[in-house]
């Protein structure tokens, strides 16, 4: 499959890139600093600015799917920057007539109890609030799309480097927790779940989550 991966040098994007290449997919890696990417078979690294919708659409055209691992967390205006970027990615994907868009989401919009989201829980870390609010509002944007075949994958509350086990659970809009009451997933297994969805679509036009 020929994939355009937006945000390929980021924490989650780099894991998705590694997983996709390992499975033999051809990847166009779009990043602000493509020089950070090591050369690899089936990889084309391209400099991209997600806010330049026309240029981005031209770069996305001809791919089988777009995976967005775009994040605004490094920016001072995290929320505004992310929302401008995700709107541009959605519009560029549609303009380029790419049939599928898969989006890295956040855990903040998952429910911990009926009608109560992680983001609304006491003690939610302030440093992640703008990122979480952006991911939640991006999900709302996707749900408004009449044409786009989209999927969003939200991680568990904790996502960190670990092992690629290939053993995890999938859920929908509720936060997954393990027997110890912890909600966690390795970034490697998150990437497995994302590329699994790419290869065998099971969550068209909806959000799902992954956890141990």
Protein backbone atom coordinates (compact mmCIF):
# COMPACT_ATOMS: atom_id res chain seq x y z
CA UNK A 1 0.00 0.00 0.00
CA UNK A 2 1.21 3.53 -0.72
CA UNK A 3 0.83 5.68 2.42
CA UNK A 4 1.34 9.36 3.12
CA UNK A 5 2.39 9.77 6.76
CA UNK A 6 2.08 13.30 8.16
CA UNK A 7 4.26 13.95 11.20
CA UNK A 8 6.59 11.04 10.51
CA UNK A 9 9.40 12.27 12.77
CA UNK A 10 7.29 12.63 15.91
CA UNK A 11 6.97 10.33 18.90
CA UNK A 12 4.03 8.33 17.54
CA UNK A 13 4.65 9.07 13.87
CA UNK A 14 8.11 7.54 13.96
CA UNK A 15 6.72 4.34 15.48
CA UNK A 16 4.03 4.15 12.80
CA UNK A 17 6.67 4.73 10.13
CA UNK A 18 8.82 1.89 11.46
CA UNK A 19 5.85 -0.50 11.61
CA UNK A 20 4.57 0.39 8.13
CA UNK A 21 8.00 -0.04 6.54
CA UNK A 22 8.53 -3.36 8.34
CA UNK A 23 5.33 -4.64 6.73
CA UNK A 24 6.50 -3.64 3.26
CA UNK A 25 4.34 -0.57 2.68
CA UNK A 26 5.61 2.32 0.59
CA UNK A 27 5.64 5.47 2.69
CA UNK A 28 5.87 9.12 1.78
CA UNK A 29 6.98 10.67 5.06
CA UNK A 30 5.89 14.31 5.33
CA UNK A 31 7.66 16.29 8.03
CA UNK A 32 8.92 19.74 8.85
CA UNK A 33 12.44 18.33 9.06
CA UNK A 34 12.64 15.30 6.75
CA UNK A 35 16.43 15.29 7.08
CA UNK A 36 15.93 13.64 10.48
CA UNK A 37 14.77 10.46 8.75
CA UNK A 38 17.32 7.78 7.87
CA UNK A 39 17.21 6.51 4.32
CA UNK A 40 15.28 3.27 3.93
CA UNK A 41 13.83 1.19 1.10
CA UNK A 42 10.23 2.14 0.31
CA UNK A 43 10.65 5.50 2.06
CA UNK A 44 10.47 8.93 0.43
CA UNK A 45 11.00 11.81 2.86
CA UNK A 46 9.37 15.12 1.90
CA UNK A 47 9.43 18.57 3.50
CA UNK A 48 5.88 19.64 4.27
CA UNK A 49 3.98 22.47 5.91
CA UNK A 50 0.55 21.27 7.00
CA UNK A 51 -0.76 24.83 6.97
CA UNK A 52 -0.10 25.13 3.22
CA UNK A 53 -3.20 23.28 2.10
CA UNK A 54 -2.66 23.55 -1.64
CA UNK A 55 0.88 22.24 -1.48
CA UNK A 56 -0.13 19.53 0.98
CA UNK A 57 -2.95 18.36 -1.30
CA UNK A 58 -0.47 18.04 -4.17
CA UNK A 59 1.84 15.98 -1.96
CA UNK A 60 -0.99 13.67 -0.83
CA UNK A 61 -2.42 13.05 -4.28
CA UNK A 62 -2.01 9.49 -5.57
CA UNK A 63 -1.71 7.75 -2.20
CA UNK A 64 -3.96 4.95 -0.99
CA UNK A 65 -4.30 6.45 2.49
CA UNK A 66 -3.14 9.31 4.67
CA UNK A 67 -2.09 8.71 8.27
CA UNK A 68 -1.91 11.87 10.34
CA UNK A 69 0.37 11.80 13.36
CA UNK A 70 0.40 15.60 13.34
CA UNK A 71 0.76 17.24 16.74
CA UNK A 72 0.97 20.83 17.89
CA UNK A 73 2.39 20.06 21.33
CA UNK A 74 5.76 21.68 20.59
CA UNK A 75 4.11 24.99 19.70
CA UNK A 76 3.31 27.76 22.19
CA UNK A 77 -0.23 28.06 20.80
CA UNK A 78 -0.72 24.29 20.92
CA UNK A 79 -4.48 24.17 20.51
CA UNK A 80 -4.83 26.82 17.79
CA UNK A 81 -1.88 25.48 15.80
CA UNK A 82 -3.18 21.93 15.98
CA UNK A 83 -6.70 22.86 14.94
CA UNK A 84 -5.47 24.88 11.96
CA UNK A 85 -3.27 21.95 10.99
CA UNK A 86 -5.87 19.21 11.29
CA UNK A 87 -8.42 21.28 9.35
CA UNK A 88 -5.83 21.68 6.59
CA UNK A 89 -5.03 17.95 6.59
CA UNK A 90 -8.72 17.03 6.34
CA UNK A 91 -9.30 19.51 3.52
CA UNK A 92 -6.13 18.50 1.66
CA UNK A 93 -7.02 14.81 1.89
CA UNK A 94 -10.41 15.52 0.37
CA UNK A 95 -8.94 17.83 -2.27
CA UNK A 96 -6.37 15.18 -3.22
CA UNK A 97 -9.13 12.55 -3.47
CA UNK A 98 -7.29 10.14 -1.15
CA UNK A 99 -9.83 7.49 -0.14
CA UNK A 100 -8.89 7.14 3.56
CA UNK A 101 -7.64 9.25 6.44
CA UNK A 102 -6.40 7.68 9.68
CA UNK A 103 -5.73 10.07 12.56
CA UNK A 104 -3.74 9.72 15.77
CA UNK A 105 -6.15 10.79 18.49
CA UNK A 106 -5.88 11.35 22.22
CA UNK A 107 -7.11 9.57 25.31
CA UNK A 108 -8.71 12.72 26.73
CA UNK A 109 -12.01 12.25 24.93
CA UNK A 110 -12.44 8.63 26.05
CA UNK A 111 -15.07 8.01 28.72
CA UNK A 112 -14.16 6.88 32.23
CA UNK A 113 -17.85 6.60 33.09
CA UNK A 114 -21.02 7.36 31.13
CA UNK A 115 -20.79 10.95 29.92
CA UNK A 116 -17.54 11.68 31.78
CA UNK A 117 -14.35 11.95 29.73
CA UNK A 118 -10.75 11.56 30.85
CA UNK A 119 -10.20 15.25 30.04
CA UNK A 120 -12.89 16.22 32.55
CA UNK A 121 -11.44 14.11 35.36
CA UNK A 122 -9.92 15.86 38.42
CA UNK A 123 -6.17 16.19 38.17
CA UNK A 124 -5.89 15.99 34.40
CA UNK A 125 -2.33 17.23 33.65
CA UNK A 126 -2.35 20.90 32.63
CA UNK A 127 0.59 20.39 30.26
CA UNK A 128 -1.50 18.05 28.12
CA UNK A 129 -4.82 19.91 28.26
CA UNK A 130 -4.49 21.88 25.02
CA UNK A 131 -3.30 18.79 23.15
CA UNK A 132 -6.20 16.75 24.53
CA UNK A 133 -8.75 19.46 23.73
CA UNK A 134 -7.40 19.64 20.19
CA UNK A 135 -7.73 15.90 19.70
CA UNK A 136 -11.27 15.97 21.10
CA UNK A 137 -12.30 18.79 18.78
CA UNK A 138 -10.59 17.06 15.84
CA UNK A 139 -12.81 14.04 16.49
CA UNK A 140 -15.85 16.31 16.36
CA UNK A 141 -14.61 17.75 13.06
CA UNK A 142 -14.17 14.29 11.58
CA UNK A 143 -17.67 13.29 12.65
CA UNK A 144 -19.02 16.24 10.66
CA UNK A 145 -17.41 15.07 7.41
CA UNK A 146 -19.94 13.81 4.89
CA UNK A 147 -17.47 12.56 2.28
CA UNK A 148 -14.35 11.48 4.11
CA UNK A 149 -13.70 7.85 5.07
CA UNK A 150 -11.89 8.54 8.35
CA UNK A 151 -10.75 6.62 11.40
CA UNK A 152 -9.26 7.94 14.63
CA UNK A 153 -7.23 5.74 17.00
CA UNK A 154 -7.00 6.97 20.59
CA UNK A 155 -4.27 5.52 22.80
CA UNK A 156 -4.66 4.54 26.43
CA UNK A 157 -4.06 7.18 29.10
CA UNK A 158 -0.37 6.29 29.19
CA UNK A 159 1.56 5.73 25.96
CA UNK A 160 5.31 5.26 26.26
CA UNK A 161 8.21 3.42 24.62
CA UNK A 162 8.13 -0.28 25.39
CA UNK A 163 7.85 -3.57 23.59
CA UNK A 164 6.09 -4.59 20.41
CA UNK A 165 4.02 -7.50 21.70
CA UNK A 166 1.12 -7.53 19.23
CA UNK A 167 -1.09 -8.47 22.19
CA UNK A 168 -3.61 -5.85 23.25
CA UNK A 169 -7.31 -5.10 23.42
CA UNK A 170 -9.38 -2.82 21.23
CA UNK A 171 -12.30 -0.74 22.41
CA UNK A 172 -14.48 2.11 21.18
CA UNK A 173 -15.24 5.22 23.22
CA UNK A 174 -14.45 3.95 26.72
CA UNK A 175 -10.99 4.08 28.33
CA UNK A 176 -9.42 0.63 28.58
CA UNK A 177 -7.80 -0.39 31.87
CA UNK A 178 -5.94 -3.56 32.83
CA UNK A 179 -6.42 -5.82 35.84
CA UNK A 180 -4.37 -3.45 37.98
CA UNK A 181 -6.57 -0.52 37.01
CA UNK A 182 -3.93 1.03 34.76
CA UNK A 183 -4.60 2.37 31.27
CA UNK A 184 -1.50 1.95 29.14
CA UNK A 185 -0.12 0.95 25.75
CA UNK A 186 3.38 0.97 24.31
CA UNK A 187 3.95 3.26 21.35
CA UNK A 188 5.13 0.19 19.44
CA UNK A 189 1.84 -1.67 19.98
CA UNK A 190 -0.13 1.49 19.23
CA UNK A 191 1.62 1.52 15.84
CA UNK A 192 0.72 -2.14 15.33
CA UNK A 193 -2.96 -1.35 15.94
CA UNK A 194 -2.86 1.61 13.55
CA UNK A 195 -1.26 -0.35 10.71
CA UNK A 196 -3.62 -3.28 11.37
CA UNK A 197 -6.51 -0.87 10.82
CA UNK A 198 -4.84 0.42 7.68
CA UNK A 199 -4.55 -3.08 6.26
CA UNK A 200 -7.89 -4.46 7.47
CA UNK A 201 -10.36 -1.60 8.01
CA UNK A 202 -12.76 -2.32 10.86
CA UNK A 203 -13.61 1.17 12.15
CA UNK A 204 -14.69 3.23 9.17
CA UNK A 205 -15.99 6.66 10.13
CA UNK A 206 -15.50 6.13 13.84
CA UNK A 207 -12.99 6.33 16.69
CA UNK A 208 -11.54 3.33 18.49
CA UNK A 209 -8.93 2.80 21.17
CA UNK A 210 -6.19 0.34 22.10
CA UNK A 211 -4.81 -0.78 25.46
CA UNK A 212 -3.59 -3.68 27.53
